[in-house]
Amino acid sequence: MKQIVIIASSLLLVLLFVGFSFVPDDTPEAGKKAFVDQTCGLCHSAEAAGIPRNPNEKNPDFSGVDSDVM
């Protein structure tokens, strides 16, 4: 029983450190890629990032939402 607790604790500790080693990519390029990949541009635009407004849609432009990302 003691060995199971030690193994489980060690595994949990390793998973905890591995989880913190993955930092999300928050560069402007990553934000633009996510916007395009998730097809947000079908209804919205981000003209400041070079994603034009769909003339058939009246939905808002997201250019000013977070100027550090877009």
N, C-alpha and C. Protein backbone atom coordinates (compact mmCIF):
# COMPACT_ATOMS: atom_id res chain seq x y z
N MET A 1 0.82 -1.19 0.00
CA MET A 1 0.00 0.00 0.00
C MET A 1 0.86 1.25 0.00
N LYS A 2 1.94 1.22 0.74
CA LYS A 2 2.84 2.36 0.83
C LYS A 2 3.46 2.66 -0.53
N GLN A 3 3.79 1.63 -1.29
CA GLN A 3 4.39 1.81 -2.61
C GLN A 3 3.39 2.47 -3.56
N ILE A 4 2.13 2.11 -3.48
CA ILE A 4 1.11 2.71 -4.35
C ILE A 4 1.00 4.21 -4.06
N VAL A 5 1.01 4.58 -2.80
CA VAL A 5 0.92 5.99 -2.43
C VAL A 5 2.14 6.75 -2.94
N ILE A 6 3.32 6.17 -2.83
CA ILE A 6 4.54 6.82 -3.30
C ILE A 6 4.51 6.97 -4.81
N ILE A 7 4.11 5.93 -5.51
CA ILE A 7 4.04 5.98 -6.98
C ILE A 7 2.99 7.01 -7.42
N ALA A 8 1.83 6.99 -6.81
CA ALA A 8 0.77 7.93 -7.17
C ALA A 8 1.19 9.37 -6.88
N SER A 9 1.84 9.60 -5.76
CA SER A 9 2.32 10.94 -5.43
C SER A 9 3.38 11.41 -6.41
N SER A 10 4.29 10.53 -6.77
CA SER A 10 5.33 10.87 -7.73
C SER A 10 4.73 11.20 -9.09
N LEU A 11 3.76 10.40 -9.52
CA LEU A 11 3.10 10.65 -10.79
C LEU A 11 2.37 11.99 -10.78
N LEU A 12 1.68 12.28 -9.70
CA LEU A 12 0.96 13.55 -9.57
C LEU A 12 1.94 14.72 -9.61
N LEU A 13 3.06 14.60 -8.95
CA LEU A 13 4.08 15.65 -8.95
C LEU A 13 4.65 15.88 -10.34
N VAL A 14 4.93 14.81 -11.06
CA VAL A 14 5.45 14.92 -12.42
C VAL A 14 4.40 15.58 -13.32
N LEU A 15 3.16 15.17 -13.23
CA LEU A 15 2.10 15.76 -14.05
C LEU A 15 1.89 17.23 -13.73
N LEU A 16 2.05 17.60 -12.48
CA LEU A 16 1.91 18.99 -12.08
C LEU A 16 3.00 19.84 -12.75
N PHE A 17 4.24 19.38 -12.72
CA PHE A 17 5.33 20.14 -13.33
C PHE A 17 5.23 20.16 -14.85
N VAL A 18 4.80 19.07 -15.45
CA VAL A 18 4.65 19.02 -16.91
C VAL A 18 3.54 19.99 -17.34
N GLY A 19 2.47 20.06 -16.58
CA GLY A 19 1.37 20.96 -16.90
C GLY A 19 1.79 22.41 -16.89
N PHE A 20 2.67 22.81 -16.00
CA PHE A 20 3.14 24.19 -15.93
C PHE A 20 4.19 24.50 -16.98
N SER A 21 4.72 23.50 -17.64
CA SER A 21 5.75 23.76 -18.63
C SER A 21 5.16 24.17 -19.98
N PHE A 22 3.86 23.97 -20.18
CA PHE A 22 3.22 24.35 -21.43
C PHE A 22 2.56 25.72 -21.28
N VAL A 23 3.16 26.71 -21.90
CA VAL A 23 2.66 28.08 -21.83
C VAL A 23 1.91 28.37 -23.12
N PRO A 24 0.70 28.90 -23.03
CA PRO A 24 -0.04 29.19 -24.26
C PRO A 24 0.66 30.27 -25.08
N ASP A 25 0.51 30.15 -26.36
CA ASP A 25 1.11 31.11 -27.28
C ASP A 25 0.16 32.30 -27.40
N ASP A 26 0.56 33.46 -26.86
CA ASP A 26 -0.33 34.62 -26.89
C ASP A 26 0.25 35.74 -27.77
N THR A 27 0.91 35.34 -28.83
CA THR A 27 1.44 36.33 -29.76
C THR A 27 0.32 36.80 -30.69
N PRO A 28 0.48 37.96 -31.30
CA PRO A 28 -0.54 38.43 -32.25
C PRO A 28 -0.80 37.44 -33.39
N GLU A 29 0.25 36.77 -33.84
CA GLU A 29 0.08 35.79 -34.91
C GLU A 29 -0.80 34.62 -34.46
N ALA A 30 -0.62 34.20 -33.22
CA ALA A 30 -1.42 33.09 -32.69
C ALA A 30 -2.88 33.51 -32.54
N GLY A 31 -3.11 34.76 -32.13
CA GLY A 31 -4.48 35.25 -32.01
C GLY A 31 -5.17 35.33 -33.35
N LYS A 32 -4.44 35.81 -34.36
CA LYS A 32 -5.01 35.89 -35.69
C LYS A 32 -5.31 34.50 -36.24
N LYS A 33 -4.39 33.55 -36.00
CA LYS A 33 -4.59 32.18 -36.46
C LYS A 33 -5.82 31.56 -35.80
N ALA A 34 -5.99 31.78 -34.50
CA ALA A 34 -7.16 31.25 -33.80
C ALA A 34 -8.44 31.86 -34.35
N PHE A 35 -8.43 33.17 -34.62
CA PHE A 35 -9.60 33.86 -35.16
C PHE A 35 -9.99 33.27 -36.51
N VAL A 36 -8.98 33.01 -37.35
CA VAL A 36 -9.24 32.46 -38.67
C VAL A 36 -9.63 30.98 -38.58
N ASP A 37 -8.90 30.21 -37.78
CA ASP A 37 -9.16 28.77 -37.67
C ASP A 37 -10.55 28.47 -37.10
N GLN A 38 -11.02 29.31 -36.18
CA GLN A 38 -12.33 29.09 -35.57
C GLN A 38 -13.45 29.72 -36.39
N THR A 39 -13.13 30.21 -37.56
CA THR A 39 -14.05 30.84 -38.51
C THR A 39 -14.85 31.98 -37.90
N CYS A 40 -14.23 32.73 -37.00
CA CYS A 40 -14.88 33.91 -36.42
C CYS A 40 -15.13 34.95 -37.51
N GLY A 41 -14.29 34.93 -38.54
CA GLY A 41 -14.40 35.89 -39.62
C GLY A 41 -15.63 35.72 -40.49
N LEU A 42 -16.39 34.64 -40.29
CA LEU A 42 -17.63 34.48 -41.05
C LEU A 42 -18.64 35.54 -40.64
N CYS A 43 -18.60 35.94 -39.38
CA CYS A 43 -19.55 36.94 -38.90
C CYS A 43 -18.87 38.22 -38.42
N HIS A 44 -17.63 38.13 -37.98
CA HIS A 44 -16.94 39.27 -37.41
C HIS A 44 -15.70 39.61 -38.23
N SER A 45 -15.16 40.77 -37.94
CA SER A 45 -13.93 41.16 -38.61
C SER A 45 -12.95 41.67 -37.57
N ALA A 46 -11.71 41.79 -37.98
CA ALA A 46 -10.66 42.39 -37.17
C ALA A 46 -9.79 43.15 -38.18
N GLU A 47 -10.33 44.27 -38.63
CA GLU A 47 -9.68 45.00 -39.70
C GLU A 47 -8.27 45.45 -39.35
N ALA A 48 -7.99 45.71 -38.08
CA ALA A 48 -6.65 46.11 -37.66
C ALA A 48 -5.64 44.98 -37.87
N ALA A 49 -6.12 43.73 -37.87
CA ALA A 49 -5.24 42.58 -38.08
C ALA A 49 -5.27 42.12 -39.53
N GLY A 50 -5.96 42.87 -40.39
CA GLY A 50 -6.01 42.51 -41.79
C GLY A 50 -7.09 41.50 -42.14
N ILE A 51 -8.06 41.33 -41.26
CA ILE A 51 -9.18 40.42 -41.52
C ILE A 51 -10.37 41.31 -41.85
N PRO A 52 -10.75 41.38 -43.12
CA PRO A 52 -11.77 42.35 -43.55
C PRO A 52 -13.18 41.98 -43.09
N ARG A 53 -14.01 43.00 -43.04
CA ARG A 53 -15.41 42.84 -42.66
C ARG A 53 -16.18 42.17 -43.80
N ASN A 54 -17.04 41.25 -43.45
CA ASN A 54 -17.92 40.61 -44.42
C ASN A 54 -19.03 41.62 -44.73
N PRO A 55 -19.16 42.07 -45.96
CA PRO A 55 -20.14 43.11 -46.27
C PRO A 55 -21.59 42.69 -46.04
N ASN A 56 -21.85 41.40 -45.94
CA ASN A 56 -23.21 40.90 -45.72
C ASN A 56 -23.57 40.85 -44.24
N GLU A 57 -22.63 41.10 -43.36
CA GLU A 57 -22.87 40.99 -41.92
C GLU A 57 -22.80 42.36 -41.26
N LYS A 58 -23.57 42.56 -40.22
CA LYS A 58 -23.58 43.81 -39.46
C LYS A 58 -22.94 43.64 -38.08
N ASN A 59 -22.28 42.53 -37.85
CA ASN A 59 -21.68 42.25 -36.55
C ASN A 59 -20.44 43.09 -36.33
N PRO A 60 -20.03 43.24 -35.08
CA PRO A 60 -18.96 44.19 -34.76
C PRO A 60 -17.58 43.76 -35.24
N ASP A 61 -16.76 44.79 -35.39
CA ASP A 61 -15.35 44.60 -35.69
C ASP A 61 -14.61 44.45 -34.36
N PHE A 62 -13.76 43.46 -34.25
CA PHE A 62 -13.06 43.17 -33.01
C PHE A 62 -11.68 43.84 -32.93
N SER A 63 -11.40 44.79 -33.76
CA SER A 63 -10.07 45.41 -33.79
C SER A 63 -9.67 46.04 -32.47
N GLY A 64 -10.58 46.66 -31.76
CA GLY A 64 -10.22 47.35 -30.53
C GLY A 64 -10.40 46.56 -29.26
N VAL A 65 -10.73 45.28 -29.36
CA VAL A 65 -11.00 44.48 -28.17
C VAL A 65 -9.76 44.35 -27.30
N ASP A 66 -8.66 43.99 -27.87
CA ASP A 66 -7.40 43.88 -27.12
C ASP A 66 -6.28 44.28 -28.06
N SER A 67 -5.88 45.52 -27.97
CA SER A 67 -4.90 46.05 -28.92
C SER A 67 -3.54 45.37 -28.81
N ASP A 68 -3.26 44.70 -27.67
CA ASP A 68 -1.98 43.99 -27.55
C ASP A 68 -1.97 42.71 -28.37
N VAL A 69 -3.14 42.13 -28.63
CA VAL A 69 -3.20 40.85 -29.33
C VAL A 69 -3.47 41.07 -30.82
N MET A 70 -4.38 41.93 -31.15
CA MET A 70 -4.74 42.12 -32.56
C MET A 70 -3.90 43.18 -33.18
